[in-house]
PDB file of all heavy atoms in Angstrom:
ATOM      1  N   MET A   1       0.847  -1.187   0.000  1.00  0.00           N
ATOM      2  CA  MET A   1       0.000   0.000   0.000  1.00  0.00           C
ATOM      3  C   MET A   1       0.882   1.236   0.000  1.00  0.00           C
ATOM      4  O   MET A   1       1.889   1.269   0.718  1.00  0.00           O
ATOM      5  CB  MET A   1      -0.866   0.041   1.267  1.00  0.00           C
ATOM      6  CG  MET A   1      -1.864  -1.077   1.367  1.00  0.00           C
ATOM      7  SD  MET A   1      -2.610  -1.128   3.015  1.00  0.00           S
ATOM      8  CE  MET A   1      -1.377  -2.094   3.887  1.00  0.00           C
ATOM      9  N   GLY A   2       0.507   2.240  -0.757  1.00  0.00           N
ATOM     10  CA  GLY A   2       1.225   3.504  -0.736  1.00  0.00           C
ATOM     11  C   GLY A   2       0.970   4.282   0.534  1.00  0.00           C
ATOM     12  O   GLY A   2       1.750   5.133   0.930  1.00  0.00           O
ATOM     13  N   SER A   3      -0.118   3.961   1.204  1.00  0.00           N
ATOM     14  CA  SER A   3      -0.516   4.638   2.435  1.00  0.00           C
ATOM     15  C   SER A   3      -1.396   3.692   3.236  1.00  0.00           C
ATOM     16  O   SER A   3      -2.122   2.870   2.659  1.00  0.00           O
ATOM     17  CB  SER A   3      -1.304   5.908   2.091  1.00  0.00           C
ATOM     18  OG  SER A   3      -1.959   6.432   3.215  1.00  0.00           O
ATOM     19  N   ALA A   4      -1.351   3.816   4.562  1.00  0.00           N
ATOM     20  CA  ALA A   4      -2.205   2.984   5.410  1.00  0.00           C
ATOM     21  C   ALA A   4      -3.682   3.229   5.121  1.00  0.00           C
ATOM     22  O   ALA A   4      -4.521   2.368   5.398  1.00  0.00           O
ATOM     23  CB  ALA A   4      -1.895   3.239   6.880  1.00  0.00           C
ATOM     24  N   SER A   5      -4.019   4.364   4.522  1.00  0.00           N
ATOM     25  CA  SER A   5      -5.422   4.635   4.185  1.00  0.00           C
ATOM     26  C   SER A   5      -5.935   3.700   3.079  1.00  0.00           C
ATOM     27  O   SER A   5      -7.137   3.610   2.855  1.00  0.00           O
ATOM     28  CB  SER A   5      -5.602   6.096   3.756  1.00  0.00           C
ATOM     29  OG  SER A   5      -4.893   6.351   2.559  1.00  0.00           O
ATOM     30  N   ASP A   6      -5.025   2.987   2.420  1.00  0.00           N
ATOM     31  CA  ASP A   6      -5.406   2.027   1.380  1.00  0.00           C
ATOM     32  C   ASP A   6      -5.775   0.656   1.955  1.00  0.00           C
ATOM     33  O   ASP A   6      -6.097  -0.268   1.202  1.00  0.00           O
ATOM     34  CB  ASP A   6      -4.271   1.851   0.367  1.00  0.00           C
ATOM     35  CG  ASP A   6      -3.923   3.134  -0.355  1.00  0.00           C
ATOM     36  OD1 ASP A   6      -4.847   3.923  -0.637  1.00  0.00           O
ATOM     37  OD2 ASP A   6      -2.734   3.353  -0.633  1.00  0.00           O
ATOM     38  N   LEU A   7      -5.733   0.519   3.276  1.00  0.00           N
ATOM     39  CA  LEU A   7      -5.971  -0.777   3.909  1.00  0.00           C
ATOM     40  C   LEU A   7      -7.314  -1.416   3.543  1.00  0.00           C
ATOM     41  O   LEU A   7      -7.359  -2.625   3.305  1.00  0.00           O
ATOM     42  CB  LEU A   7      -5.827  -0.665   5.435  1.00  0.00           C
ATOM     43  CG  LEU A   7      -5.912  -1.985   6.202  1.00  0.00           C
ATOM     44  CD1 LEU A   7      -4.870  -2.980   5.722  1.00  0.00           C
ATOM     45  CD2 LEU A   7      -5.785  -1.726   7.694  1.00  0.00           C
ATOM     46  N   PRO A   8      -8.427  -0.679   3.446  1.00  0.00           N
ATOM     47  CA  PRO A   8      -9.675  -1.352   3.058  1.00  0.00           C
ATOM     48  C   PRO A   8      -9.588  -2.059   1.698  1.00  0.00           C
ATOM     49  O   PRO A   8     -10.188  -3.122   1.515  1.00  0.00           O
ATOM     50  CB  PRO A   8     -10.702  -0.207   3.029  1.00  0.00           C
ATOM     51  CG  PRO A   8     -10.158   0.805   3.985  1.00  0.00           C
ATOM     52  CD  PRO A   8      -8.660   0.729   3.812  1.00  0.00           C
ATOM     53  N   ILE A   9      -8.846  -1.497   0.779  1.00  0.00           N
ATOM     54  CA  ILE A   9      -8.668  -2.146  -0.533  1.00  0.00           C
ATOM     55  C   ILE A   9      -7.771  -3.365  -0.367  1.00  0.00           C
ATOM     56  O   ILE A   9      -8.039  -4.439  -0.911  1.00  0.00           O
ATOM     57  CB  ILE A   9      -8.070  -1.160  -1.554  1.00  0.00           C
ATOM     58  CG1 ILE A   9      -8.984   0.053  -1.722  1.00  0.00           C
ATOM     59  CG2 ILE A   9      -7.839  -1.848  -2.897  1.00  0.00           C
ATOM     60  CD1 ILE A   9      -8.328   1.223  -2.427  1.00  0.00           C
ATOM     61  N   ALA A  10      -6.689  -3.201   0.387  1.00  0.00           N
ATOM     62  CA  ALA A  10      -5.764  -4.310   0.625  1.00  0.00           C
ATOM     63  C   ALA A  10      -6.475  -5.475   1.299  1.00  0.00           C
ATOM     64  O   ALA A  10      -6.217  -6.644   0.978  1.00  0.00           O
ATOM     65  CB  ALA A  10      -4.596  -3.837   1.472  1.00  0.00           C
ATOM     66  N   GLU A  11      -7.381  -5.169   2.218  1.00  0.00           N
ATOM     67  CA  GLU A  11      -8.089  -6.233   2.928  1.00  0.00           C
ATOM     68  C   GLU A  11      -8.929  -7.090   1.993  1.00  0.00           C
ATOM     69  O   GLU A  11      -9.065  -8.299   2.200  1.00  0.00           O
ATOM     70  CB  GLU A  11      -8.941  -5.649   4.054  1.00  0.00           C
ATOM     71  CG  GLU A  11      -8.093  -5.189   5.224  1.00  0.00           C
ATOM     72  CD  GLU A  11      -8.866  -4.490   6.319  1.00  0.00           C
ATOM     73  OE1 GLU A  11      -9.924  -3.873   6.029  1.00  0.00           O
ATOM     74  OE2 GLU A  11      -8.412  -4.558   7.476  1.00  0.00           O
ATOM     75  N   LYS A  12      -9.483  -6.490   0.944  1.00  0.00           N
ATOM     76  CA  LYS A  12     -10.234  -7.281  -0.051  1.00  0.00           C
ATOM     77  C   LYS A  12      -9.312  -8.275  -0.741  1.00  0.00           C
ATOM     78  O   LYS A  12      -9.665  -9.432  -0.967  1.00  0.00           O
ATOM     79  CB  LYS A  12     -10.893  -6.373  -1.095  1.00  0.00           C
ATOM     80  CG  LYS A  12     -11.938  -5.446  -0.537  1.00  0.00           C
ATOM     81  CD  LYS A  12     -13.181  -6.175  -0.154  1.00  0.00           C
ATOM     82  CE  LYS A  12     -14.250  -5.163   0.226  1.00  0.00           C
ATOM     83  NZ  LYS A  12     -15.364  -5.771   0.905  1.00  0.00           N
ATOM     84  N   ALA A  13      -8.112  -7.815  -1.081  1.00  0.00           N
ATOM     85  CA  ALA A  13      -7.126  -8.708  -1.709  1.00  0.00           C
ATOM     86  C   ALA A  13      -6.687  -9.791  -0.733  1.00  0.00           C
ATOM     87  O   ALA A  13      -6.611 -10.977  -1.090  1.00  0.00           O
ATOM     88  CB  ALA A  13      -5.925  -7.901  -2.199  1.00  0.00           C
ATOM     89  N   ILE A  14      -6.409  -9.396   0.502  1.00  0.00           N
ATOM     90  CA  ILE A  14      -5.952 -10.339   1.515  1.00  0.00           C
ATOM     91  C   ILE A  14      -7.001 -11.418   1.772  1.00  0.00           C
ATOM     92  O   ILE A  14      -6.676 -12.615   1.840  1.00  0.00           O
ATOM     93  CB  ILE A  14      -5.596  -9.583   2.818  1.00  0.00           C
ATOM     94  CG1 ILE A  14      -4.348  -8.726   2.602  1.00  0.00           C
ATOM     95  CG2 ILE A  14      -5.411 -10.546   3.980  1.00  0.00           C
ATOM     96  CD1 ILE A  14      -4.124  -7.662   3.658  1.00  0.00           C
ATOM     97  N   GLU A  15      -8.256 -11.017   1.901  1.00  0.00           N
ATOM     98  CA  GLU A  15      -9.341 -11.991   2.118  1.00  0.00           C
ATOM     99  C   GLU A  15      -9.393 -13.009   0.985  1.00  0.00           C
ATOM    100  O   GLU A  15      -9.567 -14.206   1.225  1.00  0.00           O
ATOM    101  CB  GLU A  15     -10.684 -11.269   2.236  1.00  0.00           C
ATOM    102  CG  GLU A  15     -10.859 -10.490   3.513  1.00  0.00           C
ATOM    103  CD  GLU A  15     -12.080  -9.578   3.483  1.00  0.00           C
ATOM    104  OE1 GLU A  15     -12.926  -9.706   2.559  1.00  0.00           O
ATOM    105  OE2 GLU A  15     -12.183  -8.718   4.375  1.00  0.00           O
ATOM    106  N   GLN A  16      -9.243 -12.534  -0.250  1.00  0.00           N
ATOM    107  CA  GLN A  16      -9.300 -13.444  -1.395  1.00  0.00           C
ATOM    108  C   GLN A  16      -8.086 -14.373  -1.399  1.00  0.00           C
ATOM    109  O   GLN A  16      -8.219 -15.568  -1.661  1.00  0.00           O
ATOM    110  CB  GLN A  16      -9.373 -12.657  -2.704  1.00  0.00           C
ATOM    111  CG  GLN A  16      -9.607 -13.527  -3.914  1.00  0.00           C
ATOM    112  CD  GLN A  16     -10.948 -14.229  -3.868  1.00  0.00           C
ATOM    113  OE1 GLN A  16     -11.991 -13.611  -3.874  1.00  0.00           O
ATOM    114  NE2 GLN A  16     -10.934 -15.548  -3.803  1.00  0.00           N
ATOM    115  N   LEU A  17      -6.898 -13.847  -1.121  1.00  0.00           N
ATOM    116  CA  LEU A  17      -5.704 -14.691  -1.058  1.00  0.00           C
ATOM    117  C   LEU A  17      -5.853 -15.751   0.028  1.00  0.00           C
ATOM    118  O   LEU A  17      -5.525 -16.926  -0.185  1.00  0.00           O
ATOM    119  CB  LEU A  17      -4.458 -13.836  -0.812  1.00  0.00           C
ATOM    120  CG  LEU A  17      -4.060 -12.894  -1.958  1.00  0.00           C
ATOM    121  CD1 LEU A  17      -2.978 -11.931  -1.497  1.00  0.00           C
ATOM    122  CD2 LEU A  17      -3.623 -13.676  -3.187  1.00  0.00           C
ATOM    123  N   GLU A  18      -6.354 -15.347   1.190  1.00  0.00           N
ATOM    124  CA  GLU A  18      -6.547 -16.301   2.288  1.00  0.00           C
ATOM    125  C   GLU A  18      -7.537 -17.393   1.899  1.00  0.00           C
ATOM    126  O   GLU A  18      -7.340 -18.565   2.232  1.00  0.00           O
ATOM    127  CB  GLU A  18      -7.020 -15.586   3.549  1.00  0.00           C
ATOM    128  CG  GLU A  18      -5.923 -14.802   4.224  1.00  0.00           C
ATOM    129  CD  GLU A  18      -6.387 -14.045   5.459  1.00  0.00           C
ATOM    130  OE1 GLU A  18      -7.619 -13.900   5.684  1.00  0.00           O
ATOM    131  OE2 GLU A  18      -5.502 -13.584   6.211  1.00  0.00           O
ATOM    132  N   SER A  19      -8.601 -17.040   1.189  1.00  0.00           N
ATOM    133  CA  SER A  19      -9.612 -18.035   0.806  1.00  0.00           C
ATOM    134  C   SER A  19      -9.035 -19.090  -0.134  1.00  0.00           C
ATOM    135  O   SER A  19      -9.557 -20.195  -0.213  1.00  0.00           O
ATOM    136  CB  SER A  19     -10.828 -17.360   0.170  1.00  0.00           C
ATOM    137  OG  SER A  19     -10.556 -16.966  -1.159  1.00  0.00           O
ATOM    138  N   LEU A  20      -7.961 -18.742  -0.828  1.00  0.00           N
ATOM    139  CA  LEU A  20      -7.307 -19.675  -1.746  1.00  0.00           C
ATOM    140  C   LEU A  20      -6.041 -20.284  -1.142  1.00  0.00           C
ATOM    141  O   LEU A  20      -5.312 -21.001  -1.821  1.00  0.00           O
ATOM    142  CB  LEU A  20      -6.962 -18.955  -3.055  1.00  0.00           C
ATOM    143  CG  LEU A  20      -8.149 -18.482  -3.877  1.00  0.00           C
ATOM    144  CD1 LEU A  20      -7.704 -17.499  -4.961  1.00  0.00           C
ATOM    145  CD2 LEU A  20      -8.894 -19.662  -4.488  1.00  0.00           C
ATOM    146  N   ASP A  21      -5.768 -19.969   0.123  1.00  0.00           N
ATOM    147  CA  ASP A  21      -4.561 -20.444   0.818  1.00  0.00           C
ATOM    148  C   ASP A  21      -3.275 -20.000   0.124  1.00  0.00           C
ATOM    149  O   ASP A  21      -2.290 -20.741   0.076  1.00  0.00           O
ATOM    150  CB  ASP A  21      -4.570 -21.970   0.966  1.00  0.00           C
ATOM    151  CG  ASP A  21      -5.742 -22.461   1.797  1.00  0.00           C
ATOM    152  OD1 ASP A  21      -6.033 -21.824   2.826  1.00  0.00           O
ATOM    153  OD2 ASP A  21      -6.359 -23.471   1.410  1.00  0.00           O
ATOM    154  N   VAL A  22      -3.283 -18.791  -0.419  1.00  0.00           N
ATOM    155  CA  VAL A  22      -2.093 -18.236  -1.066  1.00  0.00           C
ATOM    156  C   VAL A  22      -1.311 -17.438  -0.014  1.00  0.00           C
ATOM    157  O   VAL A  22      -1.870 -16.527   0.610  1.00  0.00           O
ATOM    158  CB  VAL A  22      -2.478 -17.317  -2.246  1.00  0.00           C
ATOM    159  CG1 VAL A  22      -1.256 -16.598  -2.806  1.00  0.00           C
ATOM    160  CG2 VAL A  22      -3.172 -18.118  -3.335  1.00  0.00           C
ATOM    161  N   PRO A  23      -0.040 -17.767   0.199  1.00  0.00           N
ATOM    162  CA  PRO A  23       0.747 -17.008   1.172  1.00  0.00           C
ATOM    163  C   PRO A  23       0.997 -15.577   0.690  1.00  0.00           C
ATOM    164  O   PRO A  23       1.128 -15.331  -0.516  1.00  0.00           O
ATOM    165  CB  PRO A  23       2.053 -17.792   1.291  1.00  0.00           C
ATOM    166  CG  PRO A  23       2.083 -18.733   0.162  1.00  0.00           C
ATOM    167  CD  PRO A  23       0.706 -18.860  -0.399  1.00  0.00           C
ATOM    168  N   TYR A  24       1.065 -14.659   1.647  1.00  0.00           N
ATOM    169  CA  TYR A  24       1.243 -13.253   1.295  1.00  0.00           C
ATOM    170  C   TYR A  24       1.967 -12.532   2.418  1.00  0.00           C
ATOM    171  O   TYR A  24       2.088 -13.039   3.534  1.00  0.00           O
ATOM    172  CB  TYR A  24      -0.114 -12.586   1.038  1.00  0.00           C
ATOM    173  CG  TYR A  24      -1.006 -12.572   2.249  1.00  0.00           C
ATOM    174  CD1 TYR A  24      -0.943 -11.529   3.180  1.00  0.00           C
ATOM    175  CD2 TYR A  24      -1.893 -13.620   2.494  1.00  0.00           C
ATOM    176  CE1 TYR A  24      -1.740 -11.533   4.311  1.00  0.00           C
ATOM    177  CE2 TYR A  24      -2.695 -13.629   3.616  1.00  0.00           C
ATOM    178  CZ  TYR A  24      -2.619 -12.588   4.523  1.00  0.00           C
ATOM    179  OH  TYR A  24      -3.403 -12.594   5.646  1.00  0.00           O
ATOM    180  N   GLU A  25       2.428 -11.348   2.091  1.00  0.00           N
ATOM    181  CA  GLU A  25       2.924 -10.415   3.096  1.00  0.00           C
ATOM    182  C   GLU A  25       2.409  -9.042   2.724  1.00  0.00           C
ATOM    183  O   GLU A  25       2.078  -8.793   1.559  1.00  0.00           O
ATOM    184  CB  GLU A  25       4.442 -10.443   3.220  1.00  0.00           C
ATOM    185  CG  GLU A  25       5.211 -10.186   1.957  1.00  0.00           C
ATOM    186  CD  GLU A  25       6.716 -10.342   2.155  1.00  0.00           C
ATOM    187  OE1 GLU A  25       7.168 -11.472   2.414  1.00  0.00           O
ATOM    188  OE2 GLU A  25       7.414  -9.317   2.039  1.00  0.00           O
ATOM    189  N   VAL A  26       2.319  -8.152   3.716  1.00  0.00           N
ATOM    190  CA  VAL A  26       1.707  -6.840   3.516  1.00  0.00           C
ATOM    191  C   VAL A  26       2.646  -5.755   4.033  1.00  0.00           C
ATOM    192  O   VAL A  26       3.240  -5.912   5.104  1.00  0.00           O
ATOM    193  CB  VAL A  26       0.351  -6.746   4.256  1.00  0.00           C
ATOM    194  CG1 VAL A  26      -0.332  -5.419   3.985  1.00  0.00           C
ATOM    195  CG2 VAL A  26      -0.559  -7.908   3.869  1.00  0.00           C
ATOM    196  N   HIS A  27       2.771  -4.664   3.261  1.00  0.00           N
ATOM    197  CA  HIS A  27       3.648  -3.561   3.641  1.00  0.00           C
ATOM    198  C   HIS A  27       3.034  -2.230   3.220  1.00  0.00           C
ATOM    199  O   HIS A  27       2.204  -2.175   2.315  1.00  0.00           O
ATOM    200  CB  HIS A  27       5.014  -3.681   2.937  1.00  0.00           C
ATOM    201  CG  HIS A  27       5.685  -4.982   3.176  1.00  0.00           C
ATOM    202  ND1 HIS A  27       6.436  -5.245   4.294  1.00  0.00           N
ATOM    203  CD2 HIS A  27       5.717  -6.116   2.430  1.00  0.00           C
ATOM    204  CE1 HIS A  27       6.909  -6.479   4.228  1.00  0.00           C
ATOM    205  NE2 HIS A  27       6.479  -7.029   3.115  1.00  0.00           N
TER     206      HIS A  27
END
């Protein structure tokens, strides 16, 4: 994310990755 204010968008991606058991990291 370019800014912590982008977290709601990132969370949509994270939820989808988790549902597919895809490992990720967030910064």
